[in-house]
Amino acid sequence: MSEQSVAWGVSRRTEAELVEALAEDEAQQGRPHTPGERESFARGFFSTEYREEVRRLMSLGAADEDES
């Protein structure tokens, strides 16, 4: 998935990428998202803070504990 670069060097995801990622997630779940799930997904998709927090938790191994 590519990201759109802005003048000050920050990469931003596009709406087309959101639509693609949303469709992939719905396919994995086997059902369409509710309006609230779509809003939550979009916020997470575009949120730099969210991505950084996920990376931090994964580095701590927190994601592995939930899957067992």
PDB file of N, CA and C in Angstrom:
ATOM      1  N   MET A   1       0.835  -1.171   0.000  1.00  0.00           N
ATOM      2  CA  MET A   1       0.000   0.000   0.000  1.00  0.00           C
ATOM      3  C   MET A   1       0.883   1.237   0.000  1.00  0.00           C
ATOM      4  N   SER A   2       0.689   2.138  -0.919  1.00  0.00           N
ATOM      5  CA  SER A   2       1.510   3.341  -0.990  1.00  0.00           C
ATOM      6  C   SER A   2       0.909   4.436  -0.116  1.00  0.00           C
ATOM      7  N   GLU A   3       1.744   5.413   0.180  1.00  0.00           N
ATOM      8  CA  GLU A   3       1.291   6.550   0.962  1.00  0.00           C
ATOM      9  C   GLU A   3       1.589   7.828   0.198  1.00  0.00           C
ATOM     10  N   GLN A   4       0.741   8.820   0.350  1.00  0.00           N
ATOM     11  CA  GLN A   4       0.920  10.108  -0.305  1.00  0.00           C
ATOM     12  C   GLN A   4       1.813  10.970   0.582  1.00  0.00           C
ATOM     13  N   SER A   5       2.867  11.566   0.022  1.00  0.00           N
ATOM     14  CA  SER A   5       3.763  12.426   0.793  1.00  0.00           C
ATOM     15  C   SER A   5       3.290  13.861   0.707  1.00  0.00           C
ATOM     16  N   VAL A   6       3.423  14.566   1.811  1.00  0.00           N
ATOM     17  CA  VAL A   6       3.079  15.987   1.843  1.00  0.00           C
ATOM     18  C   VAL A   6       4.362  16.781   1.980  1.00  0.00           C
ATOM     19  N   ALA A   7       4.289  18.084   1.751  1.00  0.00           N
ATOM     20  CA  ALA A   7       5.465  18.947   1.646  1.00  0.00           C
ATOM     21  C   ALA A   7       6.420  18.842   2.826  1.00  0.00           C
ATOM     22  N   TRP A   8       5.940  18.737   4.050  1.00  0.00           N
ATOM     23  CA  TRP A   8       6.821  18.756   5.207  1.00  0.00           C
ATOM     24  C   TRP A   8       7.369  17.375   5.563  1.00  0.00           C
ATOM     25  N   GLY A   9       7.233  16.406   4.659  1.00  0.00           N
ATOM     26  CA  GLY A   9       7.857  15.110   4.851  1.00  0.00           C
ATOM     27  C   GLY A   9       7.016  14.068   5.574  1.00  0.00           C
ATOM     28  N   VAL A  10       5.803  14.400   5.905  1.00  0.00           N
ATOM     29  CA  VAL A  10       4.908  13.455   6.568  1.00  0.00           C
ATOM     30  C   VAL A  10       4.144  12.681   5.502  1.00  0.00           C
ATOM     31  N   SER A  11       4.075  11.364   5.646  1.00  0.00           N
ATOM     32  CA  SER A  11       3.313  10.551   4.698  1.00  0.00           C
ATOM     33  C   SER A  11       1.872  10.438   5.164  1.00  0.00           C
ATOM     34  N   ARG A  12       0.966  10.555   4.245  1.00  0.00           N
ATOM     35  CA  ARG A  12      -0.462  10.453   4.554  1.00  0.00           C
ATOM     36  C   ARG A  12      -1.080   9.394   3.667  1.00  0.00           C
ATOM     37  N   ARG A  13      -1.934   8.594   4.244  1.00  0.00           N
ATOM     38  CA  ARG A  13      -2.669   7.611   3.466  1.00  0.00           C
ATOM     39  C   ARG A  13      -3.810   8.305   2.727  1.00  0.00           C
ATOM     40  N   THR A  14      -4.223   7.714   1.604  1.00  0.00           N
ATOM     41  CA  THR A  14      -5.282   8.317   0.791  1.00  0.00           C
ATOM     42  C   THR A  14      -6.628   7.659   1.094  1.00  0.00           C
ATOM     43  N   GLU A  15      -7.698   8.321   0.669  1.00  0.00           N
ATOM     44  CA  GLU A  15      -9.034   7.754   0.846  1.00  0.00           C
ATOM     45  C   GLU A  15      -9.205   6.480   0.042  1.00  0.00           C
ATOM     46  N   ALA A  16      -8.584   6.419  -1.135  1.00  0.00           N
ATOM     47  CA  ALA A  16      -8.663   5.199  -1.949  1.00  0.00           C
ATOM     48  C   ALA A  16      -8.036   4.021  -1.208  1.00  0.00           C
ATOM     49  N   GLU A  17      -6.941   4.267  -0.507  1.00  0.00           N
ATOM     50  CA  GLU A  17      -6.311   3.215   0.294  1.00  0.00           C
ATOM     51  C   GLU A  17      -7.205   2.787   1.445  1.00  0.00           C
ATOM     52  N   LEU A  18      -7.923   3.739   2.035  1.00  0.00           N
ATOM     53  CA  LEU A  18      -8.867   3.412   3.099  1.00  0.00           C
ATOM     54  C   LEU A  18      -9.956   2.488   2.574  1.00  0.00           C
ATOM     55  N   VAL A  19     -10.516   2.817   1.429  1.00  0.00           N
ATOM     56  CA  VAL A  19     -11.581   2.002   0.841  1.00  0.00           C
ATOM     57  C   VAL A  19     -11.080   0.590   0.576  1.00  0.00           C
ATOM     58  N   GLU A  20      -9.866   0.474   0.054  1.00  0.00           N
ATOM     59  CA  GLU A  20      -9.277  -0.838  -0.216  1.00  0.00           C
ATOM     60  C   GLU A  20      -9.058  -1.630   1.075  1.00  0.00           C
ATOM     61  N   ALA A  21      -8.505  -0.981   2.082  1.00  0.00           N
ATOM     62  CA  ALA A  21      -8.246  -1.652   3.351  1.00  0.00           C
ATOM     63  C   ALA A  21      -9.550  -2.053   4.039  1.00  0.00           C
ATOM     64  N   LEU A  22     -10.555  -1.210   3.953  1.00  0.00           N
ATOM     65  CA  LEU A  22     -11.854  -1.512   4.540  1.00  0.00           C
ATOM     66  C   LEU A  22     -12.477  -2.729   3.869  1.00  0.00           C
ATOM     67  N   ALA A  23     -12.405  -2.790   2.558  1.00  0.00           N
ATOM     68  CA  ALA A  23     -12.943  -3.939   1.821  1.00  0.00           C
ATOM     69  C   ALA A  23     -12.211  -5.221   2.203  1.00  0.00           C
ATOM     70  N   GLU A  24     -10.892  -5.149   2.351  1.00  0.00           N
ATOM     71  CA  GLU A  24     -10.112  -6.318   2.760  1.00  0.00           C
ATOM     72  C   GLU A  24     -10.505  -6.784   4.159  1.00  0.00           C
ATOM     73  N   ASP A  25     -10.690  -5.831   5.076  1.00  0.00           N
ATOM     74  CA  ASP A  25     -11.056  -6.183   6.441  1.00  0.00           C
ATOM     75  C   ASP A  25     -12.444  -6.806   6.496  1.00  0.00           C
ATOM     76  N   GLU A  26     -13.375  -6.249   5.738  1.00  0.00           N
ATOM     77  CA  GLU A  26     -14.725  -6.818   5.688  1.00  0.00           C
ATOM     78  C   GLU A  26     -14.694  -8.233   5.112  1.00  0.00           C
ATOM     79  N   ALA A  27     -13.860  -8.455   4.109  1.00  0.00           N
ATOM     80  CA  ALA A  27     -13.733  -9.792   3.512  1.00  0.00           C
ATOM     81  C   ALA A  27     -13.177 -10.784   4.530  1.00  0.00           C
ATOM     82  N   GLN A  28     -12.202 -10.354   5.316  1.00  0.00           N
ATOM     83  CA  GLN A  28     -11.627 -11.219   6.343  1.00  0.00           C
ATOM     84  C   GLN A  28     -12.659 -11.570   7.410  1.00  0.00           C
ATOM     85  N   GLN A  29     -13.508 -10.614   7.756  1.00  0.00           N
ATOM     86  CA  GLN A  29     -14.539 -10.850   8.773  1.00  0.00           C
ATOM     87  C   GLN A  29     -15.736 -11.599   8.201  1.00  0.00           C
ATOM     88  N   GLY A  30     -15.888 -11.571   6.892  1.00  0.00           N
ATOM     89  CA  GLY A  30     -16.995 -12.258   6.250  1.00  0.00           C
ATOM     90  C   GLY A  30     -18.322 -11.522   6.347  1.00  0.00           C
ATOM     91  N   ARG A  31     -18.254 -10.235   6.624  1.00  0.00           N
ATOM     92  CA  ARG A  31     -19.471  -9.433   6.707  1.00  0.00           C
ATOM     93  C   ARG A  31     -19.117  -7.961   6.570  1.00  0.00           C
ATOM     94  N   PRO A  32     -20.104  -7.140   6.163  1.00  0.00           N
ATOM     95  CA  PRO A  32     -19.836  -5.693   6.090  1.00  0.00           C
ATOM     96  C   PRO A  32     -19.732  -5.086   7.495  1.00  0.00           C
ATOM     97  N   HIS A  33     -18.955  -4.041   7.615  1.00  0.00           N
ATOM     98  CA  HIS A  33     -18.863  -3.325   8.888  1.00  0.00           C
ATOM     99  C   HIS A  33     -20.142  -2.536   9.134  1.00  0.00           C
ATOM    100  N   THR A  34     -20.449  -2.315  10.386  1.00  0.00           N
ATOM    101  CA  THR A  34     -21.525  -1.397  10.743  1.00  0.00           C
ATOM    102  C   THR A  34     -21.001   0.029  10.541  1.00  0.00           C
ATOM    103  N   PRO A  35     -21.880   1.027  10.497  1.00  0.00           N
ATOM    104  CA  PRO A  35     -21.392   2.410  10.356  1.00  0.00           C
ATOM    105  C   PRO A  35     -20.388   2.790  11.449  1.00  0.00           C
ATOM    106  N   GLY A  36     -20.626   2.371  12.673  1.00  0.00           N
ATOM    107  CA  GLY A  36     -19.703   2.672  13.765  1.00  0.00           C
ATOM    108  C   GLY A  36     -18.356   1.993  13.585  1.00  0.00           C
ATOM    109  N   GLU A  37     -18.368   0.757  13.105  1.00  0.00           N
ATOM    110  CA  GLU A  37     -17.120   0.045  12.840  1.00  0.00           C
ATOM    111  C   GLU A  37     -16.332   0.712  11.723  1.00  0.00           C
ATOM    112  N   ARG A  38     -17.034   1.194  10.716  1.00  0.00           N
ATOM    113  CA  ARG A  38     -16.354   1.895   9.612  1.00  0.00           C
ATOM    114  C   ARG A  38     -15.696   3.176  10.107  1.00  0.00           C
ATOM    115  N   GLU A  39     -16.395   3.911  10.933  1.00  0.00           N
ATOM    116  CA  GLU A  39     -15.824   5.143  11.483  1.00  0.00           C
ATOM    117  C   GLU A  39     -14.594   4.834  12.335  1.00  0.00           C
ATOM    118  N   SER A  40     -14.704   3.835  13.178  1.00  0.00           N
ATOM    119  CA  SER A  40     -13.580   3.440  14.019  1.00  0.00           C
ATOM    120  C   SER A  40     -12.402   2.964  13.179  1.00  0.00           C
ATOM    121  N   PHE A  41     -12.674   2.175  12.157  1.00  0.00           N
ATOM    122  CA  PHE A  41     -11.630   1.683  11.268  1.00  0.00           C
ATOM    123  C   PHE A  41     -10.926   2.853  10.593  1.00  0.00           C
ATOM    124  N   ALA A  42     -11.687   3.811  10.098  1.00  0.00           N
ATOM    125  CA  ALA A  42     -11.110   4.962   9.410  1.00  0.00           C
ATOM    126  C   ALA A  42     -10.240   5.797  10.352  1.00  0.00           C
ATOM    127  N   ARG A  43     -10.705   5.992  11.562  1.00  0.00           N
ATOM    128  CA  ARG A  43      -9.908   6.757  12.531  1.00  0.00           C
ATOM    129  C   ARG A  43      -8.583   6.061  12.802  1.00  0.00           C
ATOM    130  N   GLY A  44      -8.637   4.761  12.984  1.00  0.00           N
ATOM    131  CA  GLY A  44      -7.410   4.001  13.211  1.00  0.00           C
ATOM    132  C   GLY A  44      -6.502   3.977  12.007  1.00  0.00           C
ATOM    133  N   PHE A  45      -7.091   3.898  10.840  1.00  0.00           N
ATOM    134  CA  PHE A  45      -6.336   3.841   9.595  1.00  0.00           C
ATOM    135  C   PHE A  45      -5.524   5.116   9.377  1.00  0.00           C
ATOM    136  N   PHE A  46      -6.108   6.244   9.706  1.00  0.00           N
ATOM    137  CA  PHE A  46      -5.457   7.525   9.464  1.00  0.00           C
ATOM    138  C   PHE A  46      -4.664   8.059  10.654  1.00  0.00           C
ATOM    139  N   SER A  47      -4.762   7.434  11.782  1.00  0.00           N
ATOM    140  CA  SER A  47      -4.171   7.979  13.001  1.00  0.00           C
ATOM    141  C   SER A  47      -2.717   7.555  13.187  1.00  0.00           C
ATOM    142  N   THR A  48      -1.811   8.503  13.147  1.00  0.00           N
ATOM    143  CA  THR A  48      -0.392   8.232  13.398  1.00  0.00           C
ATOM    144  C   THR A  48      -0.203   7.723  14.817  1.00  0.00           C
ATOM    145  N   GLU A  49      -0.911   8.313  15.750  1.00  0.00           N
ATOM    146  CA  GLU A  49      -0.778   7.901  17.142  1.00  0.00           C
ATOM    147  C   GLU A  49      -1.219   6.450  17.321  1.00  0.00           C
ATOM    148  N   TYR A  50      -2.263   6.046  16.644  1.00  0.00           N
ATOM    149  CA  TYR A  50      -2.739   4.675  16.734  1.00  0.00           C
ATOM    150  C   TYR A  50      -1.682   3.707  16.214  1.00  0.00           C
ATOM    151  N   ARG A  51      -1.113   3.985  15.062  1.00  0.00           N
ATOM    152  CA  ARG A  51      -0.090   3.106  14.496  1.00  0.00           C
ATOM    153  C   ARG A  51       1.119   3.004  15.417  1.00  0.00           C
ATOM    154  N   GLU A  52       1.532   4.138  15.994  1.00  0.00           N
ATOM    155  CA  GLU A  52       2.676   4.112  16.897  1.00  0.00           C
ATOM    156  C   GLU A  52       2.380   3.282  18.145  1.00  0.00           C
ATOM    157  N   GLU A  53       1.178   3.375  18.661  1.00  0.00           N
ATOM    158  CA  GLU A  53       0.801   2.608  19.844  1.00  0.00           C
ATOM    159  C   GLU A  53       0.765   1.113  19.530  1.00  0.00           C
ATOM    160  N   VAL A  54       0.241   0.741  18.375  1.00  0.00           N
ATOM    161  CA  VAL A  54       0.216  -0.669  17.984  1.00  0.00           C
ATOM    162  C   VAL A  54       1.641  -1.207  17.873  1.00  0.00           C
ATOM    163  N   ARG A  55       2.512  -0.457  17.248  1.00  0.00           N
ATOM    164  CA  ARG A  55       3.915  -0.888  17.119  1.00  0.00           C
ATOM    165  C   ARG A  55       4.551  -1.062  18.493  1.00  0.00           C
ATOM    166  N   ARG A  56       4.284  -0.140  19.405  1.00  0.00           N
ATOM    167  CA  ARG A  56       4.854  -0.220  20.744  1.00  0.00           C
ATOM    168  C   ARG A  56       4.359  -1.465  21.466  1.00  0.00           C
ATOM    169  N   LEU A  57       3.055  -1.721  21.393  1.00  0.00           N
ATOM    170  CA  LEU A  57       2.487  -2.891  22.050  1.00  0.00           C
ATOM    171  C   LEU A  57       3.023  -4.184  21.454  1.00  0.00           C
ATOM    172  N   MET A  58       3.176  -4.214  20.138  1.00  0.00           N
ATOM    173  CA  MET A  58       3.707  -5.413  19.493  1.00  0.00           C
ATOM    174  C   MET A  58       5.155  -5.653  19.908  1.00  0.00           C
ATOM    175  N   SER A  59       5.921  -4.594  20.070  1.00  0.00           N
ATOM    176  CA  SER A  59       7.314  -4.759  20.492  1.00  0.00           C
ATOM    177  C   SER A  59       7.392  -5.281  21.919  1.00  0.00           C
ATOM    178  N   LEU A  60       6.374  -5.009  22.709  1.00  0.00           N
ATOM    179  CA  LEU A  60       6.322  -5.508  24.079  1.00  0.00           C
ATOM    180  C   LEU A  60       5.769  -6.923  24.149  1.00  0.00           C
ATOM    181  N   GLY A  61       5.245  -7.424  23.034  1.00  0.00           N
ATOM    182  CA  GLY A  61       4.689  -8.768  23.006  1.00  0.00           C
ATOM    183  C   GLY A  61       3.255  -8.839  23.475  1.00  0.00           C
ATOM    184  N   ALA A  62       2.594  -7.708  23.661  1.00  0.00           N
ATOM    185  CA  ALA A  62       1.210  -7.715  24.148  1.00  0.00           C
ATOM    186  C   ALA A  62       0.259  -8.375  23.169  1.00  0.00           C
ATOM    187  N   ALA A  63       0.497  -8.253  21.879  1.00  0.00           N
ATOM    188  CA  ALA A  63      -0.396  -8.841  20.886  1.00  0.00           C
ATOM    189  C   ALA A  63      -0.354 -10.359  20.968  1.00  0.00           C
ATOM    190  N   ASP A  64       0.807 -10.944  21.245  1.00  0.00           N
ATOM    191  CA  ASP A  64       0.932 -12.409  21.320  1.00  0.00           C
ATOM    192  C   ASP A  64       0.142 -12.987  22.481  1.00  0.00           C
ATOM    193  N   GLU A  65       0.086 -12.290  23.601  1.00  0.00           N
ATOM    194  CA  GLU A  65      -0.633 -12.785  24.773  1.00  0.00           C
ATOM    195  C   GLU A  65      -2.122 -12.928  24.506  1.00  0.00           C
ATOM    196  N   ASP A  66      -2.696 -12.005  23.729  1.00  0.00           N
ATOM    197  CA  ASP A  66      -4.128 -12.039  23.432  1.00  0.00           C
ATOM    198  C   ASP A  66      -4.493 -13.175  22.490  1.00  0.00           C
ATOM    199  N   GLU A  67      -3.557 -13.609  21.657  1.00  0.00           N
ATOM    200  CA  GLU A  67      -3.846 -14.619  20.650  1.00  0.00           C
ATOM    201  C   GLU A  67      -3.777 -16.036  21.181  1.00  0.00           C
ATOM    202  N   SER A  68      -3.184 -16.255  22.344  1.00  0.00           N
ATOM    203  CA  SER A  68      -3.017 -17.628  22.847  1.00  0.00           C
ATOM    204  C   SER A  68      -4.226 -18.139  23.574  1.00  0.00           C
TER     205      SER A  68
END
